[in-house]
């Protein structure tokens, strides 16, 4: 009988480690989506001062300054690095989780079950 490459205990502990790593990666991915910083708060222009021509959605009497509008546009048009990293972590967690679920010993299919010696 050929020797087995991995014992069942080793395969089970490897599966548990892979599943734990997958869970950690998924958790970090979700947290990075949640912890993405939000857009900057708009600043109201003083009466008579130049404004961007836009008003705050929450306060229609607040004309937004040009600088504040530029900061808001920069935020809205820039890549969201936390979300990009979160997507990468989620994909990595899913891949590691699938590998952890599908993991089995290499020699389990090739090795026949041990045979019982026959008494004569």
C-alpha atoms as a PDB file:
ATOM      1  CA  UNK A   1       0.000   0.000   0.000  1.00  0.00           C
ATOM      2  CA  UNK A   2       1.460   3.417  -0.935  1.00  0.00           C
ATOM      3  CA  UNK A   3       1.983   5.821   1.950  1.00  0.00           C
ATOM      4  CA  UNK A   4      -0.575   8.607   2.384  1.00  0.00           C
ATOM      5  CA  UNK A   5       0.749  12.097   1.837  1.00  0.00           C
ATOM      6  CA  UNK A   6      -1.456  13.795   4.441  1.00  0.00           C
ATOM      7  CA  UNK A   7      -3.223  12.476   7.465  1.00  0.00           C
ATOM      8  CA  UNK A   8      -6.898  13.213   8.035  1.00  0.00           C
ATOM      9  CA  UNK A   9      -6.038  15.327  11.087  1.00  0.00           C
ATOM     10  CA  UNK A  10      -3.665  17.475   9.017  1.00  0.00           C
ATOM     11  CA  UNK A  11      -6.300  17.999   6.332  1.00  0.00           C
ATOM     12  CA  UNK A  12      -8.927  18.958   8.905  1.00  0.00           C
ATOM     13  CA  UNK A  13      -6.609  21.431  10.644  1.00  0.00           C
ATOM     14  CA  UNK A  14      -5.622  22.911   7.263  1.00  0.00           C
ATOM     15  CA  UNK A  15      -9.299  23.262   6.345  1.00  0.00           C
ATOM     16  CA  UNK A  16     -10.010  25.017   9.641  1.00  0.00           C
ATOM     17  CA  UNK A  17      -7.095  27.406   9.153  1.00  0.00           C
ATOM     18  CA  UNK A  18      -8.196  28.191   5.586  1.00  0.00           C
ATOM     19  CA  UNK A  19     -11.781  28.773   6.666  1.00  0.00           C
ATOM     20  CA  UNK A  20     -10.633  31.004   9.548  1.00  0.00           C
ATOM     21  CA  UNK A  21      -8.448  33.033   7.171  1.00  0.00           C
ATOM     22  CA  UNK A  22     -11.368  33.294   4.719  1.00  0.00           C
ATOM     23  CA  UNK A  23     -13.644  34.542   7.499  1.00  0.00           C
ATOM     24  CA  UNK A  24     -11.059  37.133   8.530  1.00  0.00           C
ATOM     25  CA  UNK A  25     -10.619  38.360   4.965  1.00  0.00           C
ATOM     26  CA  UNK A  26     -14.374  38.632   4.466  1.00  0.00           C
ATOM     27  CA  UNK A  27     -14.731  40.548   7.732  1.00  0.00           C
ATOM     28  CA  UNK A  28     -11.949  42.966   6.757  1.00  0.00           C
ATOM     29  CA  UNK A  29     -13.537  43.436   3.330  1.00  0.00           C
ATOM     30  CA  UNK A  30     -16.896  44.342   4.823  1.00  0.00           C
ATOM     31  CA  UNK A  31     -15.268  46.659   7.376  1.00  0.00           C
ATOM     32  CA  UNK A  32     -13.384  48.514   4.650  1.00  0.00           C
ATOM     33  CA  UNK A  33     -16.685  49.233   2.899  1.00  0.00           C
ATOM     34  CA  UNK A  34     -18.243  50.473   6.135  1.00  0.00           C
ATOM     35  CA  UNK A  35     -15.240  52.561   7.185  1.00  0.00           C
ATOM     36  CA  UNK A  36     -14.954  54.421   3.860  1.00  0.00           C
ATOM     37  CA  UNK A  37     -14.788  58.121   4.770  1.00  0.00           C
ATOM     38  CA  UNK A  38     -17.783  60.120   3.619  1.00  0.00           C
ATOM     39  CA  UNK A  39     -17.835  63.301   1.562  1.00  0.00           C
ATOM     40  CA  UNK A  40     -16.711  66.557   3.175  1.00  0.00           C
ATOM     41  CA  UNK A  41     -19.364  68.784   4.701  1.00  0.00           C
ATOM     42  CA  UNK A  42     -20.294  71.800   2.560  1.00  0.00           C
ATOM     43  CA  UNK A  43     -19.361  75.241   3.851  1.00  0.00           C
ATOM     44  CA  UNK A  44     -21.847  78.082   3.458  1.00  0.00           C
ATOM     45  CA  UNK A  45     -20.650  81.240   1.737  1.00  0.00           C
ATOM     46  CA  UNK A  46     -21.213  84.465   3.653  1.00  0.00           C
ATOM     47  CA  UNK A  47     -23.925  86.758   2.307  1.00  0.00           C
ATOM     48  CA  UNK A  48     -22.657  88.756  -0.659  1.00  0.00           C
ATOM     49  CA  UNK A  49     -19.525  86.585  -1.109  1.00  0.00           C
ATOM     50  CA  UNK A  50     -18.955  84.616  -4.313  1.00  0.00           C
ATOM     51  CA  UNK A  51     -20.420  81.109  -4.261  1.00  0.00           C
ATOM     52  CA  UNK A  52     -20.298  78.060  -6.492  1.00  0.00           C
ATOM     53  CA  UNK A  53     -23.917  78.465  -7.549  1.00  0.00           C
ATOM     54  CA  UNK A  54     -24.964  75.306  -5.716  1.00  0.00           C
ATOM     55  CA  UNK A  55     -26.833  75.046  -2.428  1.00  0.00           C
ATOM     56  CA  UNK A  56     -26.646  72.491   0.354  1.00  0.00           C
ATOM     57  CA  UNK A  57     -29.246  69.711  -0.046  1.00  0.00           C
ATOM     58  CA  UNK A  58     -30.080  69.837   3.667  1.00  0.00           C
ATOM     59  CA  UNK A  59     -30.255  73.639   3.922  1.00  0.00           C
ATOM     60  CA  UNK A  60     -31.541  75.376   0.764  1.00  0.00           C
ATOM     61  CA  UNK A  61     -30.576  78.774   2.250  1.00  0.00           C
ATOM     62  CA  UNK A  62     -26.878  77.777   2.291  1.00  0.00           C
ATOM     63  CA  UNK A  63     -24.955  78.687  -0.867  1.00  0.00           C
ATOM     64  CA  UNK A  64     -21.828  76.501  -1.036  1.00  0.00           C
ATOM     65  CA  UNK A  65     -18.417  78.157  -1.369  1.00  0.00           C
ATOM     66  CA  UNK A  66     -16.328  77.464  -4.449  1.00  0.00           C
ATOM     67  CA  UNK A  67     -13.592  75.740  -2.417  1.00  0.00           C
ATOM     68  CA  UNK A  68     -16.122  73.547  -0.619  1.00  0.00           C
ATOM     69  CA  UNK A  69     -17.761  72.568  -3.899  1.00  0.00           C
ATOM     70  CA  UNK A  70     -14.342  71.634  -5.364  1.00  0.00           C
ATOM     71  CA  UNK A  71     -13.613  69.411  -2.342  1.00  0.00           C
ATOM     72  CA  UNK A  72     -16.991  67.681  -2.705  1.00  0.00           C
ATOM     73  CA  UNK A  73     -16.460  67.116  -6.464  1.00  0.00           C
ATOM     74  CA  UNK A  74     -12.934  65.799  -5.847  1.00  0.00           C
ATOM     75  CA  UNK A  75     -14.345  63.297  -3.365  1.00  0.00           C
ATOM     76  CA  UNK A  76     -17.171  62.198  -5.684  1.00  0.00           C
ATOM     77  CA  UNK A  77     -14.922  61.751  -8.731  1.00  0.00           C
ATOM     78  CA  UNK A  78     -11.900  60.173  -7.027  1.00  0.00           C
ATOM     79  CA  UNK A  79     -11.485  56.396  -6.637  1.00  0.00           C
ATOM     80  CA  UNK A  80     -12.641  55.103  -3.279  1.00  0.00           C
ATOM     81  CA  UNK A  81      -9.533  53.254  -2.096  1.00  0.00           C
ATOM     82  CA  UNK A  82     -11.226  51.651   0.910  1.00  0.00           C
ATOM     83  CA  UNK A  83     -13.918  50.203  -1.343  1.00  0.00           C
ATOM     84  CA  UNK A  84     -11.382  48.953  -3.886  1.00  0.00           C
ATOM     85  CA  UNK A  85      -9.386  47.281  -1.106  1.00  0.00           C
ATOM     86  CA  UNK A  86     -12.603  45.902   0.361  1.00  0.00           C
ATOM     87  CA  UNK A  87     -13.584  44.354  -2.958  1.00  0.00           C
ATOM     88  CA  UNK A  88     -10.152  42.747  -3.215  1.00  0.00           C
ATOM     89  CA  UNK A  89     -10.400  41.381   0.319  1.00  0.00           C
ATOM     90  CA  UNK A  90     -13.879  39.996  -0.346  1.00  0.00           C
ATOM     91  CA  UNK A  91     -12.715  38.215  -3.499  1.00  0.00           C
ATOM     92  CA  UNK A  92      -9.645  36.836  -1.706  1.00  0.00           C
ATOM     93  CA  UNK A  93     -11.832  35.667   1.187  1.00  0.00           C
ATOM     94  CA  UNK A  94     -14.198  33.899  -1.181  1.00  0.00           C
ATOM     95  CA  UNK A  95     -11.327  32.171  -3.004  1.00  0.00           C
ATOM     96  CA  UNK A  96      -9.685  31.038   0.243  1.00  0.00           C
ATOM     97  CA  UNK A  97     -13.077  29.870   1.537  1.00  0.00           C
ATOM     98  CA  UNK A  98     -13.734  27.797  -1.578  1.00  0.00           C
ATOM     99  CA  UNK A  99     -10.248  26.273  -1.333  1.00  0.00           C
ATOM    100  CA  UNK A 100     -10.856  25.530   2.353  1.00  0.00           C
ATOM    101  CA  UNK A 101     -14.147  23.787   1.636  1.00  0.00           C
ATOM    102  CA  UNK A 102     -12.748  21.828  -1.313  1.00  0.00           C
ATOM    103  CA  UNK A 103      -9.497  20.846   0.449  1.00  0.00           C
ATOM    104  CA  UNK A 104      -8.877  17.122   0.848  1.00  0.00           C
ATOM    105  CA  UNK A 105      -5.860  14.909   1.212  1.00  0.00           C
ATOM    106  CA  UNK A 106      -3.921  14.207  -1.955  1.00  0.00           C
ATOM    107  CA  UNK A 107      -3.603  10.502  -1.382  1.00  0.00           C
ATOM    108  CA  UNK A 108      -7.156   9.762  -0.237  1.00  0.00           C
ATOM    109  CA  UNK A 109      -8.500   8.832  -3.672  1.00  0.00           C
ATOM    110  CA  UNK A 110      -5.385   7.028  -4.911  1.00  0.00           C
ATOM    111  CA  UNK A 111      -4.863   4.856  -1.855  1.00  0.00           C
ATOM    112  CA  UNK A 112      -7.122   1.834  -1.572  1.00  0.00           C
ATOM    113  CA  UNK A 113      -8.651   1.099   1.810  1.00  0.00           C
ATOM    114  CA  UNK A 114      -6.458  -1.067   4.025  1.00  0.00           C
ATOM    115  CA  UNK A 115      -7.175  -4.725   3.491  1.00  0.00           C
ATOM    116  CA  UNK A 116      -7.698  -7.162   6.332  1.00  0.00           C
ATOM    117  CA  UNK A 117      -5.300 -10.083   6.431  1.00  0.00           C
ATOM    118  CA  UNK A 118      -7.169 -13.301   5.810  1.00  0.00           C
ATOM    119  CA  UNK A 119      -6.760 -16.102   8.244  1.00  0.00           C
ATOM    120  CA  UNK A 120      -6.127 -19.531   6.749  1.00  0.00           C
END
